[in-house]
Amino acid sequence: MDEITEPVTVAGMPGYRTTATVTFATSPLKLTTGTALQVVVVETPQGPSAFVSETAIGVTEHEEAAVQAYESLTGVG
């Protein structure tokens, strides 16, 4: 598993984004060989807030939807 954690800012609020790629050693699945995980946790005035996504690698529709969802977070920087 590959994993990266980096600081982010969403709408002026600090947080972290962790992304990880999990490659399946063996799997009966035909369209994917693994999954991409993304977790964003931001410190808001009301407490921590999280965005989580899981995407089938190699499935274009899933990959594009995950990018759109992440970009829809207000003010990601």
N, C-alpha and C. Protein backbone atom coordinates (compact mmCIF):
# COMPACT_ATOMS: atom_id res chain seq x y z
N MET A 1 0.86 -1.18 0.00
CA MET A 1 0.00 0.00 0.00
C MET A 1 0.90 1.23 0.00
N ASP A 2 0.59 2.16 -0.90
CA ASP A 2 1.26 3.45 -0.94
C ASP A 2 0.38 4.45 -0.20
N GLU A 3 0.99 5.28 0.65
CA GLU A 3 0.21 6.25 1.45
C GLU A 3 0.96 7.58 1.52
N ILE A 4 0.20 8.67 1.35
CA ILE A 4 0.76 10.02 1.44
C ILE A 4 -0.18 10.86 2.30
N THR A 5 0.38 11.62 3.25
CA THR A 5 -0.40 12.56 4.04
C THR A 5 0.19 13.94 3.83
N GLU A 6 -0.70 14.93 3.57
CA GLU A 6 -0.26 16.29 3.31
C GLU A 6 -1.24 17.29 3.92
N PRO A 7 -0.75 18.45 4.31
CA PRO A 7 -1.66 19.47 4.86
C PRO A 7 -2.50 20.09 3.75
N VAL A 8 -3.74 20.46 4.09
CA VAL A 8 -4.64 21.16 3.16
C VAL A 8 -5.35 22.26 3.93
N THR A 9 -5.94 23.17 3.18
CA THR A 9 -6.80 24.20 3.76
C THR A 9 -8.10 24.18 2.98
N VAL A 10 -9.21 24.11 3.68
CA VAL A 10 -10.53 24.13 3.06
C VAL A 10 -11.30 25.30 3.65
N ALA A 11 -11.66 26.26 2.79
CA ALA A 11 -12.39 27.45 3.22
C ALA A 11 -11.70 28.12 4.41
N GLY A 12 -10.38 28.19 4.35
CA GLY A 12 -9.62 28.84 5.41
C GLY A 12 -9.38 28.00 6.65
N MET A 13 -9.87 26.77 6.65
CA MET A 13 -9.73 25.89 7.81
C MET A 13 -8.63 24.86 7.55
N PRO A 14 -7.71 24.66 8.50
CA PRO A 14 -6.60 23.73 8.29
C PRO A 14 -7.03 22.28 8.44
N GLY A 15 -6.30 21.43 7.74
CA GLY A 15 -6.57 20.00 7.86
C GLY A 15 -5.51 19.19 7.16
N TYR A 16 -5.80 17.91 7.00
CA TYR A 16 -4.87 17.00 6.35
C TYR A 16 -5.62 16.12 5.36
N ARG A 17 -4.92 15.72 4.33
CA ARG A 17 -5.45 14.80 3.32
C ARG A 17 -4.51 13.61 3.26
N THR A 18 -5.06 12.42 3.43
CA THR A 18 -4.30 11.19 3.28
C THR A 18 -4.85 10.44 2.08
N THR A 19 -3.97 10.05 1.18
CA THR A 19 -4.35 9.23 0.04
C THR A 19 -3.56 7.93 0.11
N ALA A 20 -4.19 6.87 -0.32
CA ALA A 20 -3.53 5.56 -0.31
C ALA A 20 -4.02 4.75 -1.51
N THR A 21 -3.14 3.94 -2.03
CA THR A 21 -3.48 3.02 -3.12
C THR A 21 -3.28 1.60 -2.61
N VAL A 22 -4.32 0.80 -2.73
CA VAL A 22 -4.26 -0.60 -2.32
C VAL A 22 -4.40 -1.44 -3.58
N THR A 23 -3.37 -2.23 -3.88
CA THR A 23 -3.40 -3.11 -5.04
C THR A 23 -3.73 -4.52 -4.57
N PHE A 24 -4.70 -5.13 -5.23
CA PHE A 24 -5.14 -6.47 -4.84
C PHE A 24 -4.12 -7.50 -5.34
N ALA A 25 -3.67 -8.38 -4.46
CA ALA A 25 -2.74 -9.45 -4.85
C ALA A 25 -3.43 -10.43 -5.79
N THR A 26 -4.65 -10.81 -5.42
CA THR A 26 -5.48 -11.65 -6.28
C THR A 26 -6.91 -11.19 -6.12
N SER A 27 -7.66 -11.25 -7.20
CA SER A 27 -9.04 -10.80 -7.14
C SER A 27 -9.81 -11.31 -8.35
N PRO A 28 -11.07 -11.67 -8.17
CA PRO A 28 -11.89 -12.08 -9.30
C PRO A 28 -12.44 -10.89 -10.09
N LEU A 29 -12.17 -9.67 -9.63
CA LEU A 29 -12.68 -8.48 -10.31
C LEU A 29 -12.02 -8.32 -11.67
N LYS A 30 -12.79 -7.90 -12.65
CA LYS A 30 -12.28 -7.79 -14.02
C LYS A 30 -11.90 -6.36 -14.40
N LEU A 31 -12.55 -5.35 -13.81
CA LEU A 31 -12.34 -3.98 -14.23
C LEU A 31 -11.30 -3.22 -13.41
N THR A 32 -10.87 -3.78 -12.29
CA THR A 32 -9.94 -3.05 -11.43
C THR A 32 -8.93 -4.00 -10.80
N THR A 33 -7.77 -3.45 -10.50
CA THR A 33 -6.72 -4.22 -9.82
C THR A 33 -6.47 -3.69 -8.42
N GLY A 34 -7.25 -2.65 -8.05
CA GLY A 34 -7.04 -2.07 -6.73
C GLY A 34 -8.00 -0.93 -6.46
N THR A 35 -7.75 -0.25 -5.35
CA THR A 35 -8.62 0.83 -4.94
C THR A 35 -7.79 2.03 -4.48
N ALA A 36 -8.29 3.22 -4.75
CA ALA A 36 -7.66 4.45 -4.28
C ALA A 36 -8.52 5.00 -3.15
N LEU A 37 -7.89 5.27 -2.03
CA LEU A 37 -8.58 5.79 -0.85
C LEU A 37 -8.15 7.23 -0.61
N GLN A 38 -9.09 8.06 -0.18
CA GLN A 38 -8.79 9.45 0.11
C GLN A 38 -9.58 9.87 1.35
N VAL A 39 -8.88 10.44 2.32
CA VAL A 39 -9.52 10.93 3.53
C VAL A 39 -9.03 12.34 3.78
N VAL A 40 -9.97 13.28 3.93
CA VAL A 40 -9.64 14.67 4.25
C VAL A 40 -10.32 14.98 5.58
N VAL A 41 -9.54 15.45 6.55
CA VAL A 41 -10.09 15.85 7.84
C VAL A 41 -9.72 17.31 8.06
N VAL A 42 -10.73 18.13 8.34
CA VAL A 42 -10.54 19.57 8.51
C VAL A 42 -11.05 19.96 9.89
N GLU A 43 -10.32 20.85 10.55
CA GLU A 43 -10.73 21.38 11.85
C GLU A 43 -11.67 22.55 11.62
N THR A 44 -12.95 22.37 11.91
CA THR A 44 -13.95 23.43 11.74
C THR A 44 -14.29 24.01 13.11
N PRO A 45 -14.96 25.16 13.14
CA PRO A 45 -15.37 25.73 14.43
C PRO A 45 -16.26 24.78 15.25
N GLN A 46 -16.97 23.87 14.57
CA GLN A 46 -17.85 22.92 15.26
C GLN A 46 -17.14 21.60 15.58
N GLY A 47 -15.86 21.49 15.23
CA GLY A 47 -15.12 20.25 15.45
C GLY A 47 -14.65 19.67 14.13
N PRO A 48 -14.00 18.52 14.18
CA PRO A 48 -13.45 17.92 12.96
C PRO A 48 -14.56 17.55 11.97
N SER A 49 -14.25 17.71 10.68
CA SER A 49 -15.15 17.32 9.61
C SER A 49 -14.36 16.49 8.62
N ALA A 50 -14.97 15.42 8.08
CA ALA A 50 -14.24 14.51 7.20
C ALA A 50 -14.93 14.31 5.86
N PHE A 51 -14.12 14.13 4.84
CA PHE A 51 -14.54 13.71 3.50
C PHE A 51 -13.78 12.44 3.20
N VAL A 52 -14.48 11.38 2.80
CA VAL A 52 -13.85 10.09 2.52
C VAL A 52 -14.33 9.59 1.17
N SER A 53 -13.39 9.09 0.34
CA SER A 53 -13.80 8.48 -0.92
C SER A 53 -12.98 7.22 -1.17
N GLU A 54 -13.59 6.30 -1.89
CA GLU A 54 -12.95 5.06 -2.31
C GLU A 54 -13.26 4.89 -3.78
N THR A 55 -12.23 4.65 -4.59
CA THR A 55 -12.39 4.62 -6.04
C THR A 55 -11.76 3.36 -6.62
N ALA A 56 -12.49 2.69 -7.50
CA ALA A 56 -11.93 1.54 -8.20
C ALA A 56 -10.92 2.03 -9.24
N ILE A 57 -9.67 1.63 -9.10
CA ILE A 57 -8.62 2.07 -10.02
C ILE A 57 -8.88 1.48 -11.41
N GLY A 58 -8.79 2.34 -12.42
CA GLY A 58 -8.99 1.89 -13.79
C GLY A 58 -10.43 2.00 -14.28
N VAL A 59 -11.34 2.39 -13.41
CA VAL A 59 -12.74 2.59 -13.81
C VAL A 59 -12.92 4.10 -13.96
N THR A 60 -12.85 4.56 -15.20
CA THR A 60 -12.81 5.99 -15.51
C THR A 60 -13.93 6.78 -14.84
N GLU A 61 -15.14 6.26 -14.88
CA GLU A 61 -16.28 6.97 -14.29
C GLU A 61 -16.06 7.17 -12.79
N HIS A 62 -15.54 6.18 -12.11
CA HIS A 62 -15.28 6.29 -10.67
C HIS A 62 -14.18 7.31 -10.40
N GLU A 63 -13.11 7.22 -11.18
CA GLU A 63 -11.98 8.13 -10.98
C GLU A 63 -12.40 9.59 -11.22
N GLU A 64 -13.16 9.85 -12.29
CA GLU A 64 -13.62 11.21 -12.58
C GLU A 64 -14.57 11.72 -11.50
N ALA A 65 -15.46 10.87 -11.02
CA ALA A 65 -16.40 11.28 -9.97
C ALA A 65 -15.66 11.62 -8.68
N ALA A 66 -14.62 10.87 -8.35
CA ALA A 66 -13.85 11.15 -7.13
C ALA A 66 -13.14 12.49 -7.24
N VAL A 67 -12.59 12.80 -8.41
CA VAL A 67 -11.94 14.10 -8.62
C VAL A 67 -12.95 15.23 -8.48
N GLN A 68 -14.11 15.08 -9.09
CA GLN A 68 -15.17 16.10 -9.01
C GLN A 68 -15.63 16.30 -7.57
N ALA A 69 -15.80 15.22 -6.84
CA ALA A 69 -16.24 15.32 -5.44
C ALA A 69 -15.20 16.06 -4.61
N TYR A 70 -13.93 15.73 -4.79
CA TYR A 70 -12.88 16.40 -4.03
C TYR A 70 -12.82 17.87 -4.39
N GLU A 71 -12.90 18.17 -5.67
CA GLU A 71 -12.85 19.58 -6.11
C GLU A 71 -14.07 20.37 -5.66
N SER A 72 -15.16 19.70 -5.32
CA SER A 72 -16.37 20.40 -4.88
C SER A 72 -16.26 20.90 -3.44
N LEU A 73 -15.26 20.40 -2.70
CA LEU A 73 -15.05 20.91 -1.34
C LEU A 73 -14.72 22.39 -1.46
N THR A 74 -15.33 23.21 -0.67
CA THR A 74 -15.17 24.66 -0.79
C THR A 74 -13.77 25.09 -0.40
N GLY A 75 -13.08 25.70 -1.34
CA GLY A 75 -11.80 26.34 -1.05
C GLY A 75 -10.64 25.41 -0.73
N VAL A 76 -10.56 24.22 -1.36
CA VAL A 76 -9.43 23.35 -1.09
C VAL A 76 -8.15 24.03 -1.56
N GLY A 77 -7.16 24.06 -0.69
CA GLY A 77 -5.90 24.69 -1.06
C GLY A 77 -4.72 23.97 -0.48
